[in-house]
Amino acid sequence: MISGILYERADVYTVASEAMGFDIPFGNFPEAWRDCCKNTVPDPELLRFLIPVGDILGSSEPELQAERLRIIRDDIKTYGGTLKKCAEDSKRLYLTLGASIGAAAAVLMI
């Protein structure tokens, strides 16, 4: 199977080659995907979710690929929720810290 998932009538090798800007040798899509992710994704934790996608695409029947990709999507959504909560906690901390430092500066000026 060249690729189980088609996008706009093109197989995954063609779409990825056009998106990445270079030709992917036939059969090396997982390796090319891995290299591309490592070169473009700065978050090592997110990399943990994205690298397996290259092994999934074109590896089995489309229905199985779609199911495995849904699982990864759900994991990424969960990870995104965790990041959002951490960002909100940090925002509250910095706002409180800023107000405290401002109040301390005002007291010192008096």
C-alpha atoms as a PDB file:
ATOM      1  CA  MET A   1       0.000   0.000   0.000  1.00  0.00           C
ATOM      2  CA  ILE A   2       1.577   3.304  -1.052  1.00  0.00           C
ATOM      3  CA  SER A   3      -0.554   5.253   1.337  1.00  0.00           C
ATOM      4  CA  GLY A   4      -3.873   4.612   2.997  1.00  0.00           C
ATOM      5  CA  ILE A   5      -4.819   8.227   3.445  1.00  0.00           C
ATOM      6  CA  LEU A   6      -5.466  10.393   0.426  1.00  0.00           C
ATOM      7  CA  TYR A   7      -5.758  14.157   0.572  1.00  0.00           C
ATOM      8  CA  GLU A   8      -7.197  15.932  -2.434  1.00  0.00           C
ATOM      9  CA  ARG A   9      -6.539  12.769  -4.481  1.00  0.00           C
ATOM     10  CA  ALA A  10      -2.821  12.731  -3.684  1.00  0.00           C
ATOM     11  CA  ASP A  11      -1.068  10.071  -1.644  1.00  0.00           C
ATOM     12  CA  VAL A  12       0.697  10.920   1.577  1.00  0.00           C
ATOM     13  CA  TYR A  13       4.148  10.939  -0.065  1.00  0.00           C
ATOM     14  CA  THR A  14       3.126  13.561  -2.623  1.00  0.00           C
ATOM     15  CA  VAL A  15       1.381  15.799  -0.093  1.00  0.00           C
ATOM     16  CA  ALA A  16       4.254  15.573   2.394  1.00  0.00           C
ATOM     17  CA  SER A  17       6.881  16.219  -0.287  1.00  0.00           C
ATOM     18  CA  GLU A  18       5.069  19.370  -1.379  1.00  0.00           C
ATOM     19  CA  ALA A  19       4.514  20.542   2.210  1.00  0.00           C
ATOM     20  CA  MET A  20       8.102  19.892   3.298  1.00  0.00           C
ATOM     21  CA  GLY A  21       9.604  21.380   0.145  1.00  0.00           C
ATOM     22  CA  PHE A  22      11.773  18.402  -0.799  1.00  0.00           C
ATOM     23  CA  ASP A  23      11.338  14.984  -2.353  1.00  0.00           C
ATOM     24  CA  ILE A  24      10.851  12.075  -0.006  1.00  0.00           C
ATOM     25  CA  PRO A  25      12.351   8.853  -1.330  1.00  0.00           C
ATOM     26  CA  PHE A  26       9.597   6.287  -1.692  1.00  0.00           C
ATOM     27  CA  GLY A  27       9.403   4.063   1.375  1.00  0.00           C
ATOM     28  CA  ASN A  28      11.191   6.488   3.712  1.00  0.00           C
ATOM     29  CA  PHE A  29       8.186   8.565   4.741  1.00  0.00           C
ATOM     30  CA  PRO A  30       8.405   7.720   8.485  1.00  0.00           C
ATOM     31  CA  GLU A  31      12.077   8.714   8.552  1.00  0.00           C
ATOM     32  CA  ALA A  32      11.429  11.938   6.609  1.00  0.00           C
ATOM     33  CA  TRP A  33       8.491  12.750   8.922  1.00  0.00           C
ATOM     34  CA  ARG A  34      10.674  12.164  11.987  1.00  0.00           C
ATOM     35  CA  ASP A  35      13.428  14.420  10.626  1.00  0.00           C
ATOM     36  CA  CYS A  36      10.966  17.147   9.698  1.00  0.00           C
ATOM     37  CA  CYS A  37       9.341  17.067  13.156  1.00  0.00           C
ATOM     38  CA  LYS A  38      12.699  17.173  14.930  1.00  0.00           C
ATOM     39  CA  ASN A  39      13.757  20.171  12.812  1.00  0.00           C
ATOM     40  CA  THR A  40      10.543  22.168  13.208  1.00  0.00           C
ATOM     41  CA  VAL A  41       8.905  21.322  16.554  1.00  0.00           C
ATOM     42  CA  PRO A  42      10.697  22.970  19.499  1.00  0.00           C
ATOM     43  CA  ASP A  43       8.724  21.219  22.271  1.00  0.00           C
ATOM     44  CA  PRO A  44      10.182  17.754  23.027  1.00  0.00           C
ATOM     45  CA  GLU A  45       6.966  16.722  24.782  1.00  0.00           C
ATOM     46  CA  LEU A  46       4.889  17.531  21.685  1.00  0.00           C
ATOM     47  CA  LEU A  47       7.442  15.670  19.584  1.00  0.00           C
ATOM     48  CA  ARG A  48       6.536  12.559  21.556  1.00  0.00           C
ATOM     49  CA  PHE A  49       3.016  12.779  20.070  1.00  0.00           C
ATOM     50  CA  LEU A  50       3.919  13.813  16.529  1.00  0.00           C
ATOM     51  CA  ILE A  51       6.723  11.416  15.608  1.00  0.00           C
ATOM     52  CA  PRO A  52       4.496   8.284  15.676  1.00  0.00           C
ATOM     53  CA  VAL A  53       2.190   9.889  13.080  1.00  0.00           C
ATOM     54  CA  GLY A  54       4.789   9.167  10.380  1.00  0.00           C
ATOM     55  CA  ASP A  55       4.669   5.468  11.241  1.00  0.00           C
ATOM     56  CA  ILE A  56       0.867   5.446  11.128  1.00  0.00           C
ATOM     57  CA  LEU A  57       0.362   7.144   7.758  1.00  0.00           C
ATOM     58  CA  GLY A  58       0.388   4.639   4.951  1.00  0.00           C
ATOM     59  CA  SER A  59       0.939   1.654   7.234  1.00  0.00           C
ATOM     60  CA  SER A  60      -2.488   0.008   7.271  1.00  0.00           C
ATOM     61  CA  GLU A  61      -6.094   0.311   6.179  1.00  0.00           C
ATOM     62  CA  PRO A  62      -7.498   3.862   6.192  1.00  0.00           C
ATOM     63  CA  GLU A  63     -10.004   3.103   8.963  1.00  0.00           C
ATOM     64  CA  LEU A  64      -7.275   1.831  11.302  1.00  0.00           C
ATOM     65  CA  GLN A  65      -5.046   4.798  10.460  1.00  0.00           C
ATOM     66  CA  ALA A  66      -7.888   7.208  11.197  1.00  0.00           C
ATOM     67  CA  GLU A  67      -8.578   5.532  14.553  1.00  0.00           C
ATOM     68  CA  ARG A  68      -4.932   5.656  15.580  1.00  0.00           C
ATOM     69  CA  LEU A  69      -4.718   9.324  14.537  1.00  0.00           C
ATOM     70  CA  ARG A  70      -7.844  10.094  16.597  1.00  0.00           C
ATOM     71  CA  ILE A  71      -6.145   8.621  19.656  1.00  0.00           C
ATOM     72  CA  ILE A  72      -3.082  10.811  19.065  1.00  0.00           C
ATOM     73  CA  ARG A  73      -5.343  13.848  18.521  1.00  0.00           C
ATOM     74  CA  ASP A  74      -7.058  13.209  21.851  1.00  0.00           C
ATOM     75  CA  ASP A  75      -3.682  12.855  23.589  1.00  0.00           C
ATOM     76  CA  ILE A  76      -2.550  16.178  22.094  1.00  0.00           C
ATOM     77  CA  LYS A  77      -5.789  17.852  23.245  1.00  0.00           C
ATOM     78  CA  THR A  78      -5.174  16.563  26.768  1.00  0.00           C
ATOM     79  CA  TYR A  79      -1.594  17.832  26.656  1.00  0.00           C
ATOM     80  CA  GLY A  80      -2.836  21.208  25.388  1.00  0.00           C
ATOM     81  CA  GLY A  81      -5.270  21.421  28.301  1.00  0.00           C
ATOM     82  CA  THR A  82      -2.420  20.747  30.715  1.00  0.00           C
ATOM     83  CA  LEU A  83      -0.329  23.505  29.117  1.00  0.00           C
ATOM     84  CA  LYS A  84      -3.254  25.921  29.268  1.00  0.00           C
ATOM     85  CA  LYS A  85      -3.762  25.225  32.983  1.00  0.00           C
ATOM     86  CA  CYS A  86      -0.044  25.759  33.672  1.00  0.00           C
ATOM     87  CA  ALA A  87      -0.138  29.050  31.742  1.00  0.00           C
ATOM     88  CA  GLU A  88      -3.175  30.239  33.712  1.00  0.00           C
ATOM     89  CA  ASP A  89      -1.489  29.337  37.019  1.00  0.00           C
ATOM     90  CA  SER A  90       1.684  31.177  35.987  1.00  0.00           C
ATOM     91  CA  LYS A  91      -0.333  34.208  34.896  1.00  0.00           C
ATOM     92  CA  ARG A  92      -2.023  34.412  38.315  1.00  0.00           C
ATOM     93  CA  LEU A  93       1.335  34.046  40.049  1.00  0.00           C
ATOM     94  CA  TYR A  94       2.950  36.826  38.015  1.00  0.00           C
ATOM     95  CA  LEU A  95      -0.033  39.151  38.483  1.00  0.00           C
ATOM     96  CA  THR A  96       0.085  38.620  42.248  1.00  0.00           C
ATOM     97  CA  LEU A  97       3.841  38.998  42.306  1.00  0.00           C
ATOM     98  CA  GLY A  98       3.648  42.216  40.265  1.00  0.00           C
ATOM     99  CA  ALA A  99       1.028  43.715  42.543  1.00  0.00           C
ATOM    100  CA  SER A 100       3.062  42.758  45.633  1.00  0.00           C
ATOM    101  CA  ILE A 101       6.255  44.285  44.252  1.00  0.00           C
ATOM    102  CA  GLY A 102       4.332  47.414  43.277  1.00  0.00           C
ATOM    103  CA  ALA A 103       2.876  47.743  46.769  1.00  0.00           C
ATOM    104  CA  ALA A 104       6.293  47.197  48.344  1.00  0.00           C
ATOM    105  CA  ALA A 105       7.819  49.857  46.099  1.00  0.00           C
ATOM    106  CA  ALA A 106       5.043  52.298  47.041  1.00  0.00           C
ATOM    107  CA  VAL A 107       5.645  51.650  50.763  1.00  0.00           C
ATOM    108  CA  LEU A 108       9.382  52.210  50.333  1.00  0.00           C
ATOM    109  CA  MET A 109       8.787  55.519  48.552  1.00  0.00           C
ATOM    110  CA  ILE A 110       6.601  56.862  51.348  1.00  0.00           C
END
